[in-house]
Amino acid sequence: MVHAGLVPQWSAARTLALAAEVTSALHRDPRALFEHMYGNEPERWDERLAGVERLRFIINVLTRLRLCTADGRVDISIKGPPPPLPSPLRPWFVHPQRASRDVRVIFGHWSALGLVERPGVLGLDSGCVWGGTLTGADLDSERPPVSVGCAAYQEVGA
């Protein structure tokens, strides 16, 4: 389960290890991490990333990712639906060589898509805050997710 997504190069095990790096940095020196974690760079995954750039990329992917290229370049500025072809940016979960495709990934953070049910992927952000629905799922059963309507909390773009 992730808040936003995973770049195609990350397996579930690799993702857990990378998240542990962020956890360790938070325990070591939270102030230093918070002072340097905000920003949109770097924009591409590379195992050689180090220091605050590595931590920032991990945090951005886990908390802000929607779209990326097959080689791990992210664009965290687009908040609506995916851009049309020929853009190389695709939803992170549609890349055929995604290293996490062998596990079920549950995510949120992309209300513009609504409920997403695909093999190995469950996107639960169905836009309650925008007046959409609130969706829940029993992850221990085969029952389908349940969505209930929400009164608009704020206007899109507010």
N, C-alpha and C. Protein backbone atom coordinates (compact mmCIF):
# COMPACT_ATOMS: atom_id res chain seq x y z
N MET A 1 0.86 -1.17 0.00
CA MET A 1 0.00 0.00 0.00
C MET A 1 0.90 1.23 0.00
N VAL A 2 0.63 2.13 -0.93
CA VAL A 2 1.37 3.38 -1.02
C VAL A 2 0.37 4.53 -1.14
N HIS A 3 0.80 5.71 -0.78
CA HIS A 3 -0.07 6.86 -0.93
C HIS A 3 -0.28 7.19 -2.40
N ALA A 4 0.82 7.20 -3.18
CA ALA A 4 0.72 7.65 -4.57
C ALA A 4 1.09 6.57 -5.57
N GLY A 5 2.35 6.18 -5.64
CA GLY A 5 2.73 5.21 -6.66
C GLY A 5 4.15 4.73 -6.53
N LEU A 6 4.58 4.01 -7.57
CA LEU A 6 5.93 3.43 -7.65
C LEU A 6 6.45 3.63 -9.06
N VAL A 7 7.73 3.96 -9.18
CA VAL A 7 8.29 4.01 -10.53
C VAL A 7 8.45 2.57 -11.03
N PRO A 8 8.45 2.38 -12.34
CA PRO A 8 8.49 1.01 -12.88
C PRO A 8 9.70 0.20 -12.44
N GLN A 9 10.79 0.83 -12.08
CA GLN A 9 12.02 0.12 -11.70
C GLN A 9 11.96 -0.49 -10.30
N TRP A 10 11.00 -0.10 -9.49
CA TRP A 10 10.95 -0.54 -8.10
C TRP A 10 10.05 -1.75 -7.93
N SER A 11 10.61 -2.81 -7.39
CA SER A 11 9.81 -3.96 -6.96
C SER A 11 9.21 -3.61 -5.60
N ALA A 12 8.33 -4.45 -5.12
CA ALA A 12 7.77 -4.23 -3.78
C ALA A 12 8.87 -4.26 -2.72
N ALA A 13 9.77 -5.22 -2.82
CA ALA A 13 10.86 -5.32 -1.84
C ALA A 13 11.77 -4.09 -1.90
N ARG A 14 12.07 -3.62 -3.10
CA ARG A 14 12.92 -2.44 -3.25
C ARG A 14 12.22 -1.22 -2.67
N THR A 15 10.92 -1.11 -2.90
CA THR A 15 10.15 0.01 -2.37
C THR A 15 10.20 0.03 -0.85
N LEU A 16 10.04 -1.12 -0.23
CA LEU A 16 10.09 -1.18 1.23
C LEU A 16 11.47 -0.77 1.75
N ALA A 17 12.52 -1.19 1.06
CA ALA A 17 13.87 -0.81 1.46
C ALA A 17 14.09 0.70 1.31
N LEU A 18 13.58 1.27 0.24
CA LEU A 18 13.74 2.70 0.02
C LEU A 18 12.92 3.50 1.04
N ALA A 19 11.73 3.03 1.35
CA ALA A 19 10.92 3.69 2.38
C ALA A 19 11.63 3.63 3.73
N ALA A 20 12.33 2.53 3.99
CA ALA A 20 13.10 2.41 5.24
C ALA A 20 14.24 3.42 5.28
N GLU A 21 14.81 3.75 4.13
CA GLU A 21 15.85 4.80 4.09
C GLU A 21 15.28 6.14 4.55
N VAL A 22 14.07 6.45 4.10
CA VAL A 22 13.42 7.70 4.51
C VAL A 22 13.11 7.65 6.01
N THR A 23 12.60 6.53 6.47
CA THR A 23 12.31 6.38 7.90
C THR A 23 13.57 6.59 8.73
N SER A 24 14.67 6.00 8.30
CA SER A 24 15.93 6.16 9.01
C SER A 24 16.36 7.63 9.04
N ALA A 25 16.22 8.32 7.92
CA ALA A 25 16.59 9.74 7.87
C ALA A 25 15.70 10.56 8.81
N LEU A 26 14.43 10.20 8.88
CA LEU A 26 13.52 10.90 9.80
C LEU A 26 13.94 10.70 11.26
N HIS A 27 14.37 9.49 11.58
CA HIS A 27 14.81 9.22 12.95
C HIS A 27 16.13 9.92 13.27
N ARG A 28 17.05 9.94 12.30
CA ARG A 28 18.36 10.54 12.51
C ARG A 28 18.29 12.05 12.70
N ASP A 29 17.63 12.72 11.76
CA ASP A 29 17.63 14.18 11.78
C ASP A 29 16.40 14.69 11.02
N PRO A 30 15.24 14.69 11.67
CA PRO A 30 14.03 15.10 10.97
C PRO A 30 14.09 16.52 10.42
N ARG A 31 14.69 17.42 11.17
CA ARG A 31 14.77 18.81 10.71
C ARG A 31 15.53 18.92 9.40
N ALA A 32 16.65 18.22 9.28
CA ALA A 32 17.43 18.26 8.04
C ALA A 32 16.63 17.68 6.88
N LEU A 33 15.91 16.60 7.12
CA LEU A 33 15.11 16.02 6.05
C LEU A 33 14.02 16.99 5.61
N PHE A 34 13.28 17.57 6.55
CA PHE A 34 12.20 18.48 6.20
C PHE A 34 12.71 19.73 5.49
N GLU A 35 13.90 20.19 5.84
CA GLU A 35 14.47 21.38 5.20
C GLU A 35 14.82 21.14 3.74
N HIS A 36 15.06 19.88 3.36
CA HIS A 36 15.52 19.60 2.00
C HIS A 36 14.59 18.71 1.17
N MET A 37 13.48 18.27 1.74
CA MET A 37 12.67 17.29 1.01
C MET A 37 11.73 17.89 -0.01
N TYR A 38 11.46 19.18 0.07
CA TYR A 38 10.50 19.79 -0.86
C TYR A 38 11.18 20.22 -2.14
N GLY A 39 10.57 19.85 -3.26
CA GLY A 39 11.08 20.20 -4.57
C GLY A 39 10.74 19.11 -5.57
N ASN A 40 10.92 19.42 -6.83
CA ASN A 40 10.55 18.48 -7.90
C ASN A 40 11.75 17.80 -8.54
N GLU A 41 12.92 18.05 -8.06
CA GLU A 41 14.15 17.45 -8.62
C GLU A 41 14.76 16.53 -7.57
N PRO A 42 15.37 15.47 -8.00
CA PRO A 42 15.56 15.02 -9.38
C PRO A 42 14.26 14.46 -9.96
N GLU A 43 14.23 14.35 -11.27
CA GLU A 43 13.01 13.89 -11.91
C GLU A 43 13.10 12.47 -12.45
N ARG A 44 14.25 11.82 -12.31
CA ARG A 44 14.40 10.46 -12.83
C ARG A 44 15.10 9.58 -11.79
N TRP A 45 14.61 8.36 -11.66
CA TRP A 45 15.23 7.40 -10.75
C TRP A 45 16.57 6.94 -11.30
N ASP A 46 17.53 6.88 -10.40
CA ASP A 46 18.85 6.36 -10.70
C ASP A 46 19.39 5.78 -9.39
N GLU A 47 19.82 4.53 -9.42
CA GLU A 47 20.35 3.89 -8.21
C GLU A 47 21.50 4.68 -7.60
N ARG A 48 22.17 5.48 -8.42
CA ARG A 48 23.32 6.25 -7.91
C ARG A 48 22.92 7.51 -7.17
N LEU A 49 21.64 7.85 -7.16
CA LEU A 49 21.21 9.01 -6.39
C LEU A 49 21.63 8.82 -4.94
N ALA A 50 22.02 9.92 -4.32
CA ALA A 50 22.49 9.84 -2.93
C ALA A 50 22.01 11.07 -2.16
N GLY A 51 22.12 10.97 -0.84
CA GLY A 51 21.82 12.11 0.03
C GLY A 51 20.40 12.61 -0.10
N VAL A 52 20.26 13.94 0.02
CA VAL A 52 18.92 14.52 0.02
C VAL A 52 18.21 14.34 -1.33
N GLU A 53 18.97 14.29 -2.43
CA GLU A 53 18.33 14.08 -3.73
C GLU A 53 17.66 12.71 -3.79
N ARG A 54 18.33 11.71 -3.26
CA ARG A 54 17.76 10.36 -3.24
C ARG A 54 16.50 10.33 -2.37
N LEU A 55 16.61 10.89 -1.17
CA LEU A 55 15.48 10.89 -0.25
C LEU A 55 14.31 11.68 -0.83
N ARG A 56 14.58 12.83 -1.44
CA ARG A 56 13.52 13.63 -2.04
C ARG A 56 12.82 12.86 -3.16
N PHE A 57 13.59 12.17 -3.98
CA PHE A 57 12.95 11.40 -5.06
C PHE A 57 12.06 10.30 -4.49
N ILE A 58 12.55 9.59 -3.51
CA ILE A 58 11.75 8.52 -2.89
C ILE A 58 10.46 9.09 -2.31
N ILE A 59 10.56 10.18 -1.57
CA ILE A 59 9.38 10.80 -0.96
C ILE A 59 8.41 11.27 -2.05
N ASN A 60 8.93 11.90 -3.09
CA ASN A 60 8.05 12.37 -4.17
C ASN A 60 7.30 11.23 -4.84
N VAL A 61 7.99 10.13 -5.08
CA VAL A 61 7.32 8.99 -5.73
C VAL A 61 6.24 8.42 -4.81
N LEU A 62 6.57 8.19 -3.58
CA LEU A 62 5.62 7.54 -2.68
C LEU A 62 4.44 8.44 -2.30
N THR A 63 4.62 9.76 -2.37
CA THR A 63 3.56 10.65 -1.91
C THR A 63 2.93 11.52 -2.99
N ARG A 64 3.57 11.65 -4.18
CA ARG A 64 3.07 12.59 -5.18
C ARG A 64 2.93 12.02 -6.59
N LEU A 65 3.48 10.86 -6.85
CA LEU A 65 3.54 10.33 -8.21
C LEU A 65 2.16 10.00 -8.78
N ARG A 66 1.99 10.37 -10.02
CA ARG A 66 0.85 9.92 -10.83
C ARG A 66 1.36 9.39 -12.16
N LEU A 67 2.22 10.15 -12.80
CA LEU A 67 2.69 9.85 -14.15
C LEU A 67 4.19 9.69 -14.21
N CYS A 68 4.64 8.78 -15.07
CA CYS A 68 6.07 8.62 -15.28
C CYS A 68 6.30 7.97 -16.64
N THR A 69 7.55 7.97 -17.04
CA THR A 69 7.94 7.28 -18.26
C THR A 69 8.41 5.88 -17.87
N ALA A 70 8.57 5.03 -18.85
CA ALA A 70 9.00 3.66 -18.59
C ALA A 70 10.38 3.60 -17.95
N ASP A 71 11.21 4.63 -18.18
CA ASP A 71 12.56 4.62 -17.60
C ASP A 71 12.65 5.37 -16.27
N GLY A 72 11.51 5.71 -15.67
CA GLY A 72 11.51 6.27 -14.32
C GLY A 72 11.59 7.77 -14.23
N ARG A 73 11.33 8.51 -15.32
CA ARG A 73 11.26 9.97 -15.22
C ARG A 73 9.85 10.31 -14.77
N VAL A 74 9.74 11.15 -13.76
CA VAL A 74 8.44 11.49 -13.19
C VAL A 74 8.06 12.92 -13.55
N ASP A 75 6.76 13.15 -13.62
CA ASP A 75 6.21 14.50 -13.74
C ASP A 75 5.16 14.60 -12.66
N ILE A 76 5.47 15.34 -11.61
CA ILE A 76 4.54 15.43 -10.49
C ILE A 76 3.71 16.71 -10.54
N SER A 77 3.77 17.41 -11.68
CA SER A 77 2.99 18.65 -11.81
C SER A 77 1.59 18.39 -12.36
N ILE A 78 1.40 17.32 -13.12
CA ILE A 78 0.10 17.05 -13.74
C ILE A 78 -0.82 16.40 -12.70
N LYS A 79 -2.00 17.00 -12.51
CA LYS A 79 -2.91 16.51 -11.49
C LYS A 79 -4.21 15.94 -12.05
N GLY A 80 -4.50 16.17 -13.30
CA GLY A 80 -5.74 15.69 -13.90
C GLY A 80 -5.57 14.33 -14.54
N PRO A 81 -6.33 14.09 -15.59
CA PRO A 81 -6.21 12.81 -16.30
C PRO A 81 -4.86 12.71 -17.02
N PRO A 82 -4.46 11.50 -17.40
CA PRO A 82 -3.20 11.33 -18.11
C PRO A 82 -3.21 12.07 -19.44
N PRO A 83 -2.05 12.58 -19.86
CA PRO A 83 -2.00 13.25 -21.16
C PRO A 83 -2.17 12.23 -22.29
N PRO A 84 -2.69 12.68 -23.42
CA PRO A 84 -2.88 11.76 -24.55
C PRO A 84 -1.54 11.41 -25.20
N LEU A 85 -1.54 10.32 -25.95
CA LEU A 85 -0.38 9.98 -26.76
C LEU A 85 -0.17 11.11 -27.75
N PRO A 86 1.02 11.44 -28.12
CA PRO A 86 2.25 10.67 -28.02
C PRO A 86 3.07 10.94 -26.76
N SER A 87 2.49 11.58 -25.74
CA SER A 87 3.25 11.82 -24.52
C SER A 87 3.80 10.50 -23.98
N PRO A 88 5.07 10.48 -23.56
CA PRO A 88 5.63 9.25 -22.96
C PRO A 88 5.18 9.06 -21.52
N LEU A 89 4.54 10.08 -20.94
CA LEU A 89 4.06 9.98 -19.57
C LEU A 89 2.79 9.15 -19.52
N ARG A 90 2.82 8.11 -18.71
CA ARG A 90 1.69 7.21 -18.55
C ARG A 90 1.44 7.04 -17.05
N PRO A 91 0.24 6.64 -16.67
CA PRO A 91 0.04 6.30 -15.26
C PRO A 91 1.09 5.28 -14.82
N TRP A 92 1.64 5.46 -13.65
CA TRP A 92 2.75 4.62 -13.19
C TRP A 92 2.42 3.14 -13.26
N PHE A 93 1.15 2.78 -13.09
CA PHE A 93 0.77 1.37 -12.99
C PHE A 93 0.51 0.69 -14.33
N VAL A 94 0.59 1.41 -15.45
CA VAL A 94 0.31 0.77 -16.75
C VAL A 94 1.57 0.31 -17.48
N HIS A 95 2.74 0.65 -16.99
CA HIS A 95 3.96 0.25 -17.69
C HIS A 95 4.11 -1.27 -17.64
N PRO A 96 4.23 -1.92 -18.80
CA PRO A 96 4.24 -3.39 -18.85
C PRO A 96 5.42 -4.03 -18.14
N GLN A 97 6.53 -3.34 -18.03
CA GLN A 97 7.71 -3.91 -17.37
C GLN A 97 7.82 -3.47 -15.90
N ARG A 98 6.71 -3.00 -15.33
CA ARG A 98 6.70 -2.54 -13.94
C ARG A 98 7.18 -3.66 -13.02
N ALA A 99 8.23 -3.41 -12.27
CA ALA A 99 8.84 -4.44 -11.40
C ALA A 99 7.92 -4.86 -10.26
N SER A 100 6.91 -4.06 -9.93
CA SER A 100 5.99 -4.41 -8.84
C SER A 100 4.75 -5.13 -9.33
N ARG A 101 4.72 -5.57 -10.58
CA ARG A 101 3.51 -6.20 -11.12
C ARG A 101 3.21 -7.57 -10.51
N ASP A 102 4.15 -8.13 -9.76
CA ASP A 102 3.92 -9.44 -9.16
C ASP A 102 3.20 -9.36 -7.81
N VAL A 103 2.89 -8.14 -7.35
CA VAL A 103 2.16 -7.95 -6.09
C VAL A 103 0.97 -7.04 -6.34
N ARG A 104 0.03 -7.07 -5.43
CA ARG A 104 -1.12 -6.16 -5.50
C ARG A 104 -0.70 -4.84 -4.86
N VAL A 105 -0.85 -3.75 -5.58
CA VAL A 105 -0.52 -2.43 -5.07
C VAL A 105 -1.81 -1.64 -4.91
N ILE A 106 -2.03 -1.13 -3.70
CA ILE A 106 -3.19 -0.31 -3.40
C ILE A 106 -2.68 1.12 -3.24
N PHE A 107 -3.33 2.05 -3.91
CA PHE A 107 -2.84 3.44 -3.89
C PHE A 107 -4.01 4.41 -3.87
N GLY A 108 -3.69 5.66 -3.65
CA GLY A 108 -4.65 6.76 -3.70
C GLY A 108 -4.04 7.91 -4.47
N HIS A 109 -4.34 9.13 -4.05
CA HIS A 109 -3.69 10.34 -4.53
C HIS A 109 -4.07 10.77 -5.94
N TRP A 110 -4.98 10.10 -6.62
CA TRP A 110 -5.30 10.50 -7.99
C TRP A 110 -6.80 10.48 -8.19
N SER A 111 -7.48 11.43 -7.56
CA SER A 111 -8.94 11.45 -7.60
C SER A 111 -9.49 11.66 -9.00
N ALA A 112 -8.73 12.26 -9.91
CA ALA A 112 -9.20 12.48 -11.28
C ALA A 112 -9.50 11.16 -11.99
N LEU A 113 -8.87 10.06 -11.56
CA LEU A 113 -9.13 8.76 -12.17
C LEU A 113 -10.35 8.08 -11.59
N GLY A 114 -10.72 8.44 -10.36
CA GLY A 114 -11.78 7.71 -9.68
C GLY A 114 -11.27 6.33 -9.28
N LEU A 115 -12.20 5.44 -8.98
CA LEU A 115 -11.85 4.08 -8.59
C LEU A 115 -11.12 3.38 -9.74
N VAL A 116 -9.97 2.80 -9.43
CA VAL A 116 -9.18 2.06 -10.43
C VAL A 116 -9.10 0.61 -9.98
N GLU A 117 -9.61 -0.28 -10.80
CA GLU A 117 -9.52 -1.72 -10.54
C GLU A 117 -8.91 -2.37 -11.76
N ARG A 118 -7.67 -2.80 -11.62
CA ARG A 118 -6.94 -3.49 -12.69
C ARG A 118 -6.26 -4.69 -12.06
N PRO A 119 -5.84 -5.64 -12.83
CA PRO A 119 -5.10 -6.76 -12.24
C PRO A 119 -3.88 -6.26 -11.47
N GLY A 120 -3.83 -6.57 -10.19
CA GLY A 120 -2.70 -6.20 -9.35
C GLY A 120 -2.68 -4.76 -8.88
N VAL A 121 -3.73 -3.99 -9.18
CA VAL A 121 -3.75 -2.57 -8.82
C VAL A 121 -5.15 -2.19 -8.34
N LEU A 122 -5.20 -1.47 -7.22
CA LEU A 122 -6.46 -0.94 -6.72
C LEU A 122 -6.23 0.50 -6.30
N GLY A 123 -6.84 1.44 -7.03
CA GLY A 123 -6.77 2.86 -6.70
C GLY A 123 -8.06 3.29 -6.03
N LEU A 124 -7.95 3.74 -4.79
CA LEU A 124 -9.15 4.01 -3.99
C LEU A 124 -9.55 5.48 -3.91
N ASP A 125 -8.77 6.40 -4.43
CA ASP A 125 -9.13 7.82 -4.33
C ASP A 125 -10.21 8.13 -5.36
N SER A 126 -11.42 8.25 -4.89
CA SER A 126 -12.53 8.50 -5.80
C SER A 126 -13.12 9.90 -5.61
N GLY A 127 -12.33 10.79 -5.04
CA GLY A 127 -12.66 12.21 -5.05
C GLY A 127 -13.67 12.71 -4.05
N CYS A 128 -13.76 12.12 -2.89
CA CYS A 128 -14.73 12.57 -1.89
C CYS A 128 -14.54 14.06 -1.59
N VAL A 129 -13.32 14.51 -1.47
CA VAL A 129 -13.05 15.90 -1.12
C VAL A 129 -13.59 16.86 -2.18
N TRP A 130 -13.76 16.38 -3.41
CA TRP A 130 -14.27 17.21 -4.50
C TRP A 130 -15.76 16.98 -4.74
N GLY A 131 -16.42 16.23 -3.87
CA GLY A 131 -17.83 15.93 -4.08
C GLY A 131 -18.06 14.63 -4.83
N GLY A 132 -17.02 13.84 -4.99
CA GLY A 132 -17.13 12.54 -5.66
C GLY A 132 -17.67 11.50 -4.70
N THR A 133 -16.94 10.41 -4.55
CA THR A 133 -17.36 9.35 -3.63
C THR A 133 -16.22 9.01 -2.68
N LEU A 134 -16.58 8.36 -1.60
CA LEU A 134 -15.62 7.79 -0.67
C LEU A 134 -15.67 6.29 -0.90
N THR A 135 -14.52 5.70 -1.19
CA THR A 135 -14.47 4.28 -1.54
C THR A 135 -13.66 3.53 -0.50
N GLY A 136 -14.17 2.38 -0.12
CA GLY A 136 -13.49 1.49 0.79
C GLY A 136 -13.48 0.08 0.24
N ALA A 137 -12.51 -0.70 0.68
CA ALA A 137 -12.41 -2.08 0.20
C ALA A 137 -11.99 -2.98 1.36
N ASP A 138 -12.57 -4.15 1.41
CA ASP A 138 -12.15 -5.19 2.34
C ASP A 138 -11.03 -5.94 1.64
N LEU A 139 -9.81 -5.69 2.06
CA LEU A 139 -8.64 -6.25 1.38
C LEU A 139 -8.45 -7.73 1.64
N ASP A 140 -9.21 -8.28 2.59
CA ASP A 140 -9.10 -9.70 2.91
C ASP A 140 -10.17 -10.54 2.23
N SER A 141 -10.96 -9.94 1.35
CA SER A 141 -12.01 -10.71 0.69
C SER A 141 -12.01 -10.38 -0.81
N GLU A 142 -12.83 -11.09 -1.52
CA GLU A 142 -12.98 -10.87 -2.96
C GLU A 142 -14.14 -9.92 -3.26
N ARG A 143 -14.78 -9.41 -2.22
CA ARG A 143 -15.90 -8.49 -2.44
C ARG A 143 -15.41 -7.23 -3.14
N PRO A 144 -16.24 -6.68 -4.01
CA PRO A 144 -15.83 -5.46 -4.71
C PRO A 144 -15.80 -4.26 -3.76
N PRO A 145 -15.04 -3.24 -4.11
CA PRO A 145 -15.04 -2.01 -3.30
C PRO A 145 -16.44 -1.41 -3.23
N VAL A 146 -16.66 -0.63 -2.19
CA VAL A 146 -17.94 0.03 -1.98
C VAL A 146 -17.70 1.54 -1.99
N SER A 147 -18.52 2.26 -2.75
CA SER A 147 -18.40 3.72 -2.82
C SER A 147 -19.70 4.36 -2.37
N VAL A 148 -19.59 5.44 -1.63
CA VAL A 148 -20.76 6.22 -1.21
C VAL A 148 -20.53 7.68 -1.61
N GLY A 149 -21.60 8.35 -1.96
CA GLY A 149 -21.50 9.73 -2.40
C GLY A 149 -21.09 10.67 -1.28
N CYS A 150 -20.43 11.76 -1.66
CA CYS A 150 -19.98 12.77 -0.71
C CYS A 150 -20.51 14.13 -1.14
N ALA A 151 -20.90 14.93 -0.17
CA ALA A 151 -21.24 16.31 -0.47
C ALA A 151 -19.93 17.03 -0.81
N ALA A 152 -19.98 17.96 -1.72
CA ALA A 152 -18.75 18.66 -2.12
C ALA A 152 -18.13 19.36 -0.91
N TYR A 153 -16.87 19.13 -0.70
CA TYR A 153 -16.14 19.77 0.39
C TYR A 153 -15.47 21.04 -0.11
N GLN A 154 -14.89 20.98 -1.28
CA GLN A 154 -14.27 22.16 -1.89
C GLN A 154 -14.35 22.03 -3.40
N GLU A 155 -14.26 23.13 -4.08
CA GLU A 155 -14.33 23.10 -5.53
C GLU A 155 -13.02 22.68 -6.14
N VAL A 156 -13.09 21.99 -7.27
CA VAL A 156 -11.88 21.59 -7.97
C VAL A 156 -11.06 22.82 -8.28
N GLY A 157 -9.78 22.77 -7.98
CA GLY A 157 -8.89 23.89 -8.22
C GLY A 157 -8.79 24.86 -7.06
N ALA A 158 -9.59 24.64 -6.00
CA ALA A 158 -9.56 25.54 -4.85
C ALA A 158 -8.30 25.33 -4.05
